[in-house]
All heavy atoms as atom14 arrays in JSON, in Angstrom:
{
  "sequence": "TTELARHAEEWGYHRFWVAEHHGMPGVASSTPAVLIAHLGAHTSTLR",
  "atom14_mask": [
    [1, 1, 1, 1, 1, 1, 1, 0, 0, 0, 0, 0, 0, 0],
    [1, 1, 1, 1, 1, 1, 1, 0, 0, 0, 0, 0, 0, 0],
    [1, 1, 1, 1, 1, 1, 1, 1, 1, 0, 0, 0, 0, 0],
    [1, 1, 1, 1, 1, 1, 1, 1, 0, 0, 0, 0, 0, 0],
    [1, 1, 1, 1, 1, 0, 0, 0, 0, 0, 0, 0, 0, 0],
    [1, 1, 1, 1, 1, 1, 1, 1, 1, 1, 1, 0, 0, 0],
    [1, 1, 1, 1, 1, 1, 1, 1, 1, 1, 0, 0, 0, 0],
    [1, 1, 1, 1, 1, 0, 0, 0, 0, 0, 0, 0, 0, 0],
    [1, 1, 1, 1, 1, 1, 1, 1, 1, 0, 0, 0, 0, 0],
    [1, 1, 1, 1, 1, 1, 1, 1, 1, 0, 0, 0, 0, 0],
    [1, 1, 1, 1, 1, 1, 1, 1, 1, 1, 1, 1, 1, 1],
    [1, 1, 1, 1, 0, 0, 0, 0, 0, 0, 0, 0, 0, 0],
    [1, 1, 1, 1, 1, 1, 1, 1, 1, 1, 1, 1, 0, 0],
    [1, 1, 1, 1, 1, 1, 1, 1, 1, 1, 0, 0, 0, 0],
    [1, 1, 1, 1, 1, 1, 1, 1, 1, 1, 1, 0, 0, 0],
    [1, 1, 1, 1, 1, 1, 1, 1, 1, 1, 1, 0, 0, 0],
    [1, 1, 1, 1, 1, 1, 1, 1, 1, 1, 1, 1, 1, 1],
    [1, 1, 1, 1, 1, 1, 1, 0, 0, 0, 0, 0, 0, 0],
    [1, 1, 1, 1, 1, 0, 0, 0, 0, 0, 0, 0, 0, 0],
    [1, 1, 1, 1, 1, 1, 1, 1, 1, 0, 0, 0, 0, 0],
    [1, 1, 1, 1, 1, 1, 1, 1, 1, 1, 0, 0, 0, 0],
    [1, 1, 1, 1, 1, 1, 1, 1, 1, 1, 0, 0, 0, 0],
    [1, 1, 1, 1, 0, 0, 0, 0, 0, 0, 0, 0, 0, 0],
    [1, 1, 1, 1, 1, 1, 1, 1, 0, 0, 0, 0, 0, 0],
    [1, 1, 1, 1, 1, 1, 1, 0, 0, 0, 0, 0, 0, 0],
    [1, 1, 1, 1, 0, 0, 0, 0, 0, 0, 0, 0, 0, 0],
    [1, 1, 1, 1, 1, 1, 1, 0, 0, 0, 0, 0, 0, 0],
    [1, 1, 1, 1, 1, 0, 0, 0, 0, 0, 0, 0, 0, 0],
    [1, 1, 1, 1, 1, 1, 0, 0, 0, 0, 0, 0, 0, 0],
    [1, 1, 1, 1, 1, 1, 0, 0, 0, 0, 0, 0, 0, 0],
    [1, 1, 1, 1, 1, 1, 1, 0, 0, 0, 0, 0, 0, 0],
    [1, 1, 1, 1, 1, 1, 1, 0, 0, 0, 0, 0, 0, 0],
    [1, 1, 1, 1, 1, 0, 0, 0, 0, 0, 0, 0, 0, 0],
    [1, 1, 1, 1, 1, 1, 1, 0, 0, 0, 0, 0, 0, 0],
    [1, 1, 1, 1, 1, 1, 1, 1, 0, 0, 0, 0, 0, 0],
    [1, 1, 1, 1, 1, 1, 1, 1, 0, 0, 0, 0, 0, 0],
    [1, 1, 1, 1, 1, 0, 0, 0, 0, 0, 0, 0, 0, 0],
    [1, 1, 1, 1, 1, 1, 1, 1, 1, 1, 0, 0, 0, 0],
    [1, 1, 1, 1, 1, 1, 1, 1, 0, 0, 0, 0, 0, 0],
    [1, 1, 1, 1, 0, 0, 0, 0, 0, 0, 0, 0, 0, 0],
    [1, 1, 1, 1, 1, 0, 0, 0, 0, 0, 0, 0, 0, 0],
    [1, 1, 1, 1, 1, 1, 1, 1, 1, 1, 0, 0, 0, 0],
    [1, 1, 1, 1, 1, 1, 1, 0, 0, 0, 0, 0, 0, 0],
    [1, 1, 1, 1, 1, 1, 0, 0, 0, 0, 0, 0, 0, 0],
    [1, 1, 1, 1, 1, 1, 1, 0, 0, 0, 0, 0, 0, 0],
    [1, 1, 1, 1, 1, 1, 1, 1, 0, 0, 0, 0, 0, 0],
    [1, 1, 1, 1, 1, 1, 1, 1, 1, 1, 1, 0, 0, 0]
  ],
  "atom14_positions": [
    [[2.4, -36.4, -16.76], [2.04, -37.17, -15.56], [2.03, -38.66, -15.87], [2.48, -39.48, -15.07], [0.67, -36.71, -15.04], [0.8, -35.42, -14.45], [0.12, -37.67, -14.01], [0.0, 0.0, 0.0], [0.0, 0.0, 0.0], [0.0, 0.0, 0.0], [0.0, 0.0, 0.0], [0.0, 0.0, 0.0], [0.0, 0.0, 0.0], [0.0, 0.0, 0.0]],
    [[1.51, -39.02, -17.02], [1.48, -40.43, -17.42], [2.89, -40.98, -17.55], [3.19, -42.09, -17.08], [0.71, -40.59, -18.74], [-0.59, -40.01, -18.61], [0.57, -42.05, -19.12], [0.0, 0.0, 0.0], [0.0, 0.0, 0.0], [0.0, 0.0, 0.0], [0.0, 0.0, 0.0], [0.0, 0.0, 0.0], [0.0, 0.0, 0.0], [0.0, 0.0, 0.0]],
    [[3.77, -40.21, -18.19], [5.16, -40.66, -18.32], [5.82, -40.77, -16.95], [6.57, -41.72, -16.68], [5.94, -39.69, -19.2], [7.38, -40.13, -19.43], [8.19, -39.16, -20.27], [7.63, -38.13, -20.7], [9.39, -39.42, -20.48], [0.0, 0.0, 0.0], [0.0, 0.0, 0.0], [0.0, 0.0, 0.0], [0.0, 0.0, 0.0], [0.0, 0.0, 0.0]],
    [[5.55, -39.82, -16.08], [6.14, -39.85, -14.75], [5.67, -41.09, -13.99], [6.47, -41.73, -13.29], [5.76, -38.58, -13.98], [6.2, -38.52, -12.52], [7.71, -38.64, -12.4], [5.69, -37.24, -11.85], [0.0, 0.0, 0.0], [0.0, 0.0, 0.0], [0.0, 0.0, 0.0], [0.0, 0.0, 0.0], [0.0, 0.0, 0.0], [0.0, 0.0, 0.0]],
    [[4.4, -41.45, -14.09], [3.9, -42.64, -13.4], [4.61, -43.9, -13.88], [4.96, -44.78, -13.07], [2.39, -42.77, -13.61], [0.0, 0.0, 0.0], [0.0, 0.0, 0.0], [0.0, 0.0, 0.0], [0.0, 0.0, 0.0], [0.0, 0.0, 0.0], [0.0, 0.0, 0.0], [0.0, 0.0, 0.0], [0.0, 0.0, 0.0], [0.0, 0.0, 0.0]],
    [[4.85, -43.99, -15.17], [5.58, -45.17, -15.7], [6.99, -45.23, -15.12], [7.47, -46.29, -14.72], [5.61, -45.13, -17.22], [4.27, -45.4, -17.89], [4.45, -45.74, -19.37], [4.96, -44.59, -20.11], [4.21, -43.77, -20.84], [2.89, -43.96, -20.89], [4.74, -42.77, -21.51], [0.0, 0.0, 0.0], [0.0, 0.0, 0.0], [0.0, 0.0, 0.0]],
    [[7.67, -44.09, -15.07], [9.02, -44.06, -14.5], [8.99, -44.34, -13.01], [9.88, -45.03, -12.48], [9.66, -42.7, -14.77], [10.21, -42.55, -16.15], [11.38, -43.15, -16.56], [9.75, -41.87, -17.22], [11.63, -42.84, -17.82], [10.65, -42.06, -18.25], [0.0, 0.0, 0.0], [0.0, 0.0, 0.0], [0.0, 0.0, 0.0], [0.0, 0.0, 0.0]],
    [[7.99, -43.81, -12.31], [7.89, -44.04, -10.87], [7.79, -45.52, -10.56], [8.38, -46.01, -9.59], [6.68, -43.29, -10.3], [0.0, 0.0, 0.0], [0.0, 0.0, 0.0], [0.0, 0.0, 0.0], [0.0, 0.0, 0.0], [0.0, 0.0, 0.0], [0.0, 0.0, 0.0], [0.0, 0.0, 0.0], [0.0, 0.0, 0.0], [0.0, 0.0, 0.0]],
    [[7.06, -46.23, -11.37], [6.94, -47.68, -11.2], [8.29, -48.36, -11.4], [8.69, -49.24, -10.61], [5.91, -48.23, -12.19], [5.62, -49.7, -12.05], [4.43, -50.11, -12.89], [4.6, -50.36, -14.1], [3.32, -50.18, -12.33], [0.0, 0.0, 0.0], [0.0, 0.0, 0.0], [0.0, 0.0, 0.0], [0.0, 0.0, 0.0], [0.0, 0.0, 0.0]],
    [[9.03, -47.94, -12.42], [10.35, -48.53, -12.7], [11.34, -48.2, -11.59], [12.19, -49.04, -11.24], [10.88, -47.99, -14.03], [10.06, -48.39, -15.25], [10.48, -47.64, -16.49], [11.41, -46.82, -16.4], [9.87, -47.85, -17.56], [0.0, 0.0, 0.0], [0.0, 0.0, 0.0], [0.0, 0.0, 0.0], [0.0, 0.0, 0.0], [0.0, 0.0, 0.0]],
    [[11.25, -47.0, -11.04], [12.21, -46.56, -10.03], [11.95, -47.15, -8.65], [12.82, -47.08, -7.79], [12.2, -45.03, -9.93], [12.77, -44.33, -11.12], [13.75, -44.79, -11.96], [12.4, -43.03, -11.6], [14.01, -43.86, -12.94], [13.2, -42.77, -12.75], [11.49, -42.06, -11.2], [13.11, -41.59, -13.47], [11.39, -40.89, -11.91], [12.2, -40.66, -13.04]],
    [[10.76, -47.67, -8.41], [10.49, -48.28, -7.11], [9.67, -47.45, -6.14], [9.56, -47.8, -4.97], [0.0, 0.0, 0.0], [0.0, 0.0, 0.0], [0.0, 0.0, 0.0], [0.0, 0.0, 0.0], [0.0, 0.0, 0.0], [0.0, 0.0, 0.0], [0.0, 0.0, 0.0], [0.0, 0.0, 0.0], [0.0, 0.0, 0.0], [0.0, 0.0, 0.0]],
    [[9.09, -46.34, -6.61], [8.17, -45.61, -5.74], [6.97, -46.5, -5.43], [6.51, -47.28, -6.27], [7.69, -44.33, -6.43], [8.72, -43.21, -6.42], [9.56, -43.01, -7.52], [8.85, -42.38, -5.33], [10.51, -41.98, -7.52], [9.79, -41.35, -5.32], [10.61, -41.16, -6.41], [11.54, -40.14, -6.41], [0.0, 0.0, 0.0], [0.0, 0.0, 0.0]],
    [[6.46, -46.4, -4.2], [5.41, -47.33, -3.78], [4.04, -46.96, -4.31], [3.3, -47.81, -4.79], [5.35, -47.41, -2.25], [4.31, -48.36, -1.76], [4.42, -49.74, -1.91], [3.11, -48.15, -1.15], [3.35, -50.33, -1.4], [2.54, -49.39, -0.94], [0.0, 0.0, 0.0], [0.0, 0.0, 0.0], [0.0, 0.0, 0.0], [0.0, 0.0, 0.0]],
    [[3.68, -45.69, -4.19], [2.35, -45.26, -4.65], [2.46, -43.91, -5.37], [3.43, -43.17, -5.19], [1.33, -45.23, -3.51], [1.64, -44.37, -2.35], [0.55, -44.51, -1.26], [1.07, -45.23, -0.1], [0.5, -46.3, 0.45], [-0.63, -46.78, -0.04], [1.03, -46.89, 1.5], [0.0, 0.0, 0.0], [0.0, 0.0, 0.0], [0.0, 0.0, 0.0]],
    [[1.44, -43.62, -6.15], [1.4, -42.42, -6.97], [0.0, -41.84, -6.83], [-0.97, -42.42, -7.33], [1.7, -42.79, -8.43], [1.93, -41.63, -9.37], [3.22, -41.25, -9.72], [0.87, -40.94, -9.93], [3.45, -40.21, -10.6], [1.09, -39.89, -10.81], [2.39, -39.53, -11.15], [0.0, 0.0, 0.0], [0.0, 0.0, 0.0], [0.0, 0.0, 0.0]],
    [[-0.1, -40.72, -6.12], [-1.41, -40.12, -5.87], [-1.57, -38.83, -6.67], [-0.59, -38.12, -6.93], [-1.56, -39.79, -4.39], [-1.85, -40.98, -3.51], [-1.92, -42.28, -3.89], [-2.09, -40.94, -2.1], [-2.2, -43.07, -2.79], [-2.31, -42.27, -1.69], [-2.14, -39.92, -1.16], [-2.58, -42.61, -0.35], [-2.41, -40.24, 0.17], [-2.63, -41.57, 0.56]],
    [[-2.8, -38.54, -7.03], [-3.15, -37.28, -7.68], [-4.23, -36.61, -6.86], [-5.0, -37.26, -6.15], [-3.62, -37.49, -9.13], [-2.47, -38.05, -9.98], [-4.82, -38.44, -9.2], [0.0, 0.0, 0.0], [0.0, 0.0, 0.0], [0.0, 0.0, 0.0], [0.0, 0.0, 0.0], [0.0, 0.0, 0.0], [0.0, 0.0, 0.0], [0.0, 0.0, 0.0]],
    [[-4.28, -35.26, -6.93], [-5.14, -34.51, -6.03], [-6.21, -33.72, -6.77], [-5.99, -33.27, -7.89], [-4.29, -33.55, -5.18], [0.0, 0.0, 0.0], [0.0, 0.0, 0.0], [0.0, 0.0, 0.0], [0.0, 0.0, 0.0], [0.0, 0.0, 0.0], [0.0, 0.0, 0.0], [0.0, 0.0, 0.0], [0.0, 0.0, 0.0], [0.0, 0.0, 0.0]],
    [[-7.35, -33.57, -6.11], [-8.47, -32.81, -6.67], [-8.29, -31.32, -6.39], [-8.22, -30.89, -5.23], [-9.79, -33.28, -6.05], [-11.0, -32.48, -6.5], [-12.28, -32.91, -5.81], [-12.29, -33.96, -5.14], [-13.27, -32.18, -5.93], [0.0, 0.0, 0.0], [0.0, 0.0, 0.0], [0.0, 0.0, 0.0], [0.0, 0.0, 0.0], [0.0, 0.0, 0.0]],
    [[-8.18, -30.52, -7.44], [-8.17, -29.07, -7.34], [-9.09, -28.51, -8.41], [-9.24, -29.11, -9.48], [-6.76, -28.51, -7.53], [-5.81, -28.85, -6.43], [-5.1, -30.03, -6.4], [-5.45, -28.17, -5.32], [-4.35, -30.06, -5.32], [-4.53, -28.95, -4.64], [0.0, 0.0, 0.0], [0.0, 0.0, 0.0], [0.0, 0.0, 0.0], [0.0, 0.0, 0.0]],
    [[-9.67, -27.36, -8.15], [-10.58, -26.74, -9.1], [-10.22, -25.27, -9.27], [-9.77, -24.61, -8.34], [-12.03, -26.85, -8.62], [-12.49, -28.26, -8.41], [-12.91, -29.06, -9.44], [-12.56, -29.02, -7.29], [-13.25, -30.25, -8.97], [-13.04, -30.26, -7.67], [0.0, 0.0, 0.0], [0.0, 0.0, 0.0], [0.0, 0.0, 0.0], [0.0, 0.0, 0.0]],
    [[-10.42, -24.76, -10.49], [-10.19, -23.35, -10.74], [-8.73, -22.94, -10.68], [-8.44, -21.76, -10.5], [0.0, 0.0, 0.0], [0.0, 0.0, 0.0], [0.0, 0.0, 0.0], [0.0, 0.0, 0.0], [0.0, 0.0, 0.0], [0.0, 0.0, 0.0], [0.0, 0.0, 0.0], [0.0, 0.0, 0.0], [0.0, 0.0, 0.0], [0.0, 0.0, 0.0]],
    [[-7.81, -23.88, -10.83], [-6.39, -23.59, -10.77], [-5.75, -23.95, -12.11], [-5.53, -25.13, -12.4], [-5.72, -24.38, -9.64], [-6.27, -24.05, -8.27], [-5.43, -24.97, -6.96], [-6.45, -24.52, -5.54], [0.0, 0.0, 0.0], [0.0, 0.0, 0.0], [0.0, 0.0, 0.0], [0.0, 0.0, 0.0], [0.0, 0.0, 0.0], [0.0, 0.0, 0.0]],
    [[-5.46, -22.97, -12.94], [-4.89, -23.25, -14.26], [-3.55, -23.98, -14.22], [-3.16, -24.59, -15.21], [-4.72, -21.85, -14.87], [-5.71, -20.99, -14.15], [-5.74, -21.52, -12.75], [0.0, 0.0, 0.0], [0.0, 0.0, 0.0], [0.0, 0.0, 0.0], [0.0, 0.0, 0.0], [0.0, 0.0, 0.0], [0.0, 0.0, 0.0], [0.0, 0.0, 0.0]],
    [[-2.87, -23.96, -13.09], [-1.59, -24.65, -12.98], [-1.69, -26.1, -12.56], [-0.67, -26.79, -12.45], [0.0, 0.0, 0.0], [0.0, 0.0, 0.0], [0.0, 0.0, 0.0], [0.0, 0.0, 0.0], [0.0, 0.0, 0.0], [0.0, 0.0, 0.0], [0.0, 0.0, 0.0], [0.0, 0.0, 0.0], [0.0, 0.0, 0.0], [0.0, 0.0, 0.0]],
    [[-2.93, -26.58, -12.35], [-3.14, -27.96, -11.9], [-4.22, -28.6, -12.78], [-5.35, -28.11, -12.85], [-3.58, -28.01, -10.42], [-3.84, -29.45, -9.99], [-2.52, -27.37, -9.53], [0.0, 0.0, 0.0], [0.0, 0.0, 0.0], [0.0, 0.0, 0.0], [0.0, 0.0, 0.0], [0.0, 0.0, 0.0], [0.0, 0.0, 0.0], [0.0, 0.0, 0.0]],
    [[-3.87, -29.7, -13.45], [-4.81, -30.33, -14.39], [-5.56, -31.53, -13.8], [-6.35, -32.16, -14.5], [-4.06, -30.76, -15.65], [0.0, 0.0, 0.0], [0.0, 0.0, 0.0], [0.0, 0.0, 0.0], [0.0, 0.0, 0.0], [0.0, 0.0, 0.0], [0.0, 0.0, 0.0], [0.0, 0.0, 0.0], [0.0, 0.0, 0.0], [0.0, 0.0, 0.0]],
    [[-5.32, -31.84, -12.54], [-5.93, -33.04, -11.95], [-7.23, -32.72, -11.24], [-7.4, -33.0, -10.05], [-4.94, -33.69, -10.96], [-4.54, -32.76, -9.96], [0.0, 0.0, 0.0], [0.0, 0.0, 0.0], [0.0, 0.0, 0.0], [0.0, 0.0, 0.0], [0.0, 0.0, 0.0], [0.0, 0.0, 0.0], [0.0, 0.0, 0.0], [0.0, 0.0, 0.0]],
    [[-8.19, -32.16, -11.95], [-9.45, -31.76, -11.32], [-10.32, -32.95, -10.95], [-11.15, -32.86, -10.04], [-10.23, -30.83, -12.25], [-10.48, -31.47, -13.49], [0.0, 0.0, 0.0], [0.0, 0.0, 0.0], [0.0, 0.0, 0.0], [0.0, 0.0, 0.0], [0.0, 0.0, 0.0], [0.0, 0.0, 0.0], [0.0, 0.0, 0.0], [0.0, 0.0, 0.0]],
    [[-10.15, -34.08, -11.64], [-11.0, -35.25, -11.41], [-10.12, -36.48, -11.18], [-9.79, -37.21, -12.12], [-11.95, -35.49, -12.6], [-12.57, -34.26, -12.98], [-13.01, -36.52, -12.27], [0.0, 0.0, 0.0], [0.0, 0.0, 0.0], [0.0, 0.0, 0.0], [0.0, 0.0, 0.0], [0.0, 0.0, 0.0], [0.0, 0.0, 0.0], [0.0, 0.0, 0.0]],
    [[-9.71, -36.74, -9.94], [-8.77, -37.83, -9.69], [-9.21, -39.18, -10.21], [-8.38, -39.93, -10.75], [-8.65, -37.83, -8.16], [-8.91, -36.41, -7.77], [-9.98, -35.94, -8.73], [0.0, 0.0, 0.0], [0.0, 0.0, 0.0], [0.0, 0.0, 0.0], [0.0, 0.0, 0.0], [0.0, 0.0, 0.0], [0.0, 0.0, 0.0], [0.0, 0.0, 0.0]],
    [[-10.48, -39.53, -10.07], [-10.92, -40.87, -10.48], [-10.67, -41.1, -11.97], [-10.24, -42.2, -12.37], [-12.4, -41.06, -10.16], [0.0, 0.0, 0.0], [0.0, 0.0, 0.0], [0.0, 0.0, 0.0], [0.0, 0.0, 0.0], [0.0, 0.0, 0.0], [0.0, 0.0, 0.0], [0.0, 0.0, 0.0], [0.0, 0.0, 0.0], [0.0, 0.0, 0.0]],
    [[-10.91, -40.1, -12.79], [-10.67, -40.24, -14.23], [-9.19, -40.42, -14.51], [-8.78, -41.29, -15.29], [-11.23, -39.02, -14.99], [-10.88, -39.11, -16.48], [-12.73, -38.91, -14.8], [0.0, 0.0, 0.0], [0.0, 0.0, 0.0], [0.0, 0.0, 0.0], [0.0, 0.0, 0.0], [0.0, 0.0, 0.0], [0.0, 0.0, 0.0], [0.0, 0.0, 0.0]],
    [[-8.37, -39.6, -13.87], [-6.93, -39.67, -14.1], [-6.34, -40.98, -13.58], [-5.47, -41.58, -14.21], [-6.24, -38.47, -13.44], [-4.74, -38.33, -13.67], [-4.37, -38.39, -15.15], [-4.24, -37.03, -13.05], [0.0, 0.0, 0.0], [0.0, 0.0, 0.0], [0.0, 0.0, 0.0], [0.0, 0.0, 0.0], [0.0, 0.0, 0.0], [0.0, 0.0, 0.0]],
    [[-6.83, -41.45, -12.44], [-6.35, -42.72, -11.89], [-6.65, -43.87, -12.84], [-5.82, -44.76, -13.06], [-6.98, -42.97, -10.5], [-6.42, -41.97, -9.49], [-6.71, -44.39, -10.03], [-7.19, -41.96, -8.17], [0.0, 0.0, 0.0], [0.0, 0.0, 0.0], [0.0, 0.0, 0.0], [0.0, 0.0, 0.0], [0.0, 0.0, 0.0], [0.0, 0.0, 0.0]],
    [[-7.83, -43.87, -13.43], [-8.18, -44.93, -14.39], [-7.21, -44.92, -15.56], [-6.76, -45.98, -16.03], [-9.61, -44.75, -14.87], [0.0, 0.0, 0.0], [0.0, 0.0, 0.0], [0.0, 0.0, 0.0], [0.0, 0.0, 0.0], [0.0, 0.0, 0.0], [0.0, 0.0, 0.0], [0.0, 0.0, 0.0], [0.0, 0.0, 0.0], [0.0, 0.0, 0.0]],
    [[-6.88, -43.73, -16.04], [-5.94, -43.6, -17.16], [-4.55, -44.09, -16.76], [-3.92, -44.86, -17.5], [-5.89, -42.14, -17.6], [-4.83, -41.85, -18.62], [-4.95, -42.19, -19.95], [-3.6, -41.25, -18.49], [-3.85, -41.83, -20.59], [-3.03, -41.25, -19.74], [0.0, 0.0, 0.0], [0.0, 0.0, 0.0], [0.0, 0.0, 0.0], [0.0, 0.0, 0.0]],
    [[-4.08, -43.69, -15.59], [-2.74, -44.08, -15.16], [-2.67, -45.59, -14.92], [-1.64, -46.22, -15.18], [-2.37, -43.34, -13.87], [-2.25, -41.82, -13.99], [-1.97, -41.19, -12.63], [-1.16, -41.43, -14.99], [0.0, 0.0, 0.0], [0.0, 0.0, 0.0], [0.0, 0.0, 0.0], [0.0, 0.0, 0.0], [0.0, 0.0, 0.0], [0.0, 0.0, 0.0]],
    [[-3.77, -46.16, -14.45], [-3.79, -47.6, -14.24], [-3.6, -48.38, -15.52], [-3.02, -49.48, -15.52], [0.0, 0.0, 0.0], [0.0, 0.0, 0.0], [0.0, 0.0, 0.0], [0.0, 0.0, 0.0], [0.0, 0.0, 0.0], [0.0, 0.0, 0.0], [0.0, 0.0, 0.0], [0.0, 0.0, 0.0], [0.0, 0.0, 0.0], [0.0, 0.0, 0.0]],
    [[-4.08, -47.83, -16.62], [-3.94, -48.5, -17.91], [-2.53, -48.4, -18.46], [-2.18, -49.14, -19.4], [-4.93, -47.9, -18.92], [0.0, 0.0, 0.0], [0.0, 0.0, 0.0], [0.0, 0.0, 0.0], [0.0, 0.0, 0.0], [0.0, 0.0, 0.0], [0.0, 0.0, 0.0], [0.0, 0.0, 0.0], [0.0, 0.0, 0.0], [0.0, 0.0, 0.0]],
    [[-1.71, -47.52, -17.89], [-0.35, -47.33, -18.38], [0.71, -47.81, -17.38], [1.91, -47.59, -17.59], [-0.11, -45.84, -18.7], [-0.84, -45.38, -19.92], [-2.18, -45.02, -19.89], [-0.44, -45.25, -21.21], [-2.56, -44.67, -21.11], [-1.54, -44.8, -21.92], [0.0, 0.0, 0.0], [0.0, 0.0, 0.0], [0.0, 0.0, 0.0], [0.0, 0.0, 0.0]],
    [[0.27, -48.44, -16.29], [1.18, -49.04, -15.31], [0.64, -50.41, -14.94], [-0.48, -50.76, -15.31], [1.28, -48.15, -14.05], [-0.04, -47.92, -13.53], [1.94, -46.81, -14.36], [0.0, 0.0, 0.0], [0.0, 0.0, 0.0], [0.0, 0.0, 0.0], [0.0, 0.0, 0.0], [0.0, 0.0, 0.0], [0.0, 0.0, 0.0], [0.0, 0.0, 0.0]],
    [[1.42, -51.17, -14.19], [0.96, -52.52, -13.86], [1.06, -52.87, -12.39], [0.3, -53.73, -11.91], [1.73, -53.55, -14.69], [3.13, -53.44, -14.46], [0.0, 0.0, 0.0], [0.0, 0.0, 0.0], [0.0, 0.0, 0.0], [0.0, 0.0, 0.0], [0.0, 0.0, 0.0], [0.0, 0.0, 0.0], [0.0, 0.0, 0.0], [0.0, 0.0, 0.0]],
    [[1.98, -52.28, -11.64], [2.15, -52.64, -10.24], [2.05, -51.45, -9.29], [1.82, -51.62, -8.1], [3.52, -53.31, -10.02], [4.56, -52.4, -10.4], [3.65, -54.59, -10.84], [0.0, 0.0, 0.0], [0.0, 0.0, 0.0], [0.0, 0.0, 0.0], [0.0, 0.0, 0.0], [0.0, 0.0, 0.0], [0.0, 0.0, 0.0], [0.0, 0.0, 0.0]],
    [[2.23, -50.26, -9.77], [2.24, -49.05, -8.96], [0.88, -48.84, -8.28], [-0.16, -48.94, -8.93], [2.55, -47.85, -9.85], [2.77, -46.48, -9.21], [4.02, -46.48, -8.34], [2.88, -45.42, -10.3], [0.0, 0.0, 0.0], [0.0, 0.0, 0.0], [0.0, 0.0, 0.0], [0.0, 0.0, 0.0], [0.0, 0.0, 0.0], [0.0, 0.0, 0.0]],
    [[0.88, -48.58, -6.97], [-0.38, -48.25, -6.31], [-0.79, -46.84, -6.73], [0.05, -45.92, -6.79], [-0.25, -48.3, -4.79], [-0.12, -49.7, -4.22], [-0.46, -49.72, -2.73], [-1.88, -49.44, -2.51], [-2.86, -50.37, -2.54], [-2.54, -51.63, -2.78], [-4.11, -50.03, -2.32], [0.0, 0.0, 0.0], [0.0, 0.0, 0.0], [0.0, 0.0, 0.0]]
  ]
}
């Protein structure tokens, strides 16, 4: 996901959202605020 966010910024996507899900082994984004903070540190302009 982190690598994808960096590429999304380079490719010109406007925003990159992650979703809150629980109890789903196929989805790792259970806590969006934590993941957003991490992605923000690895991008510079992407919303």
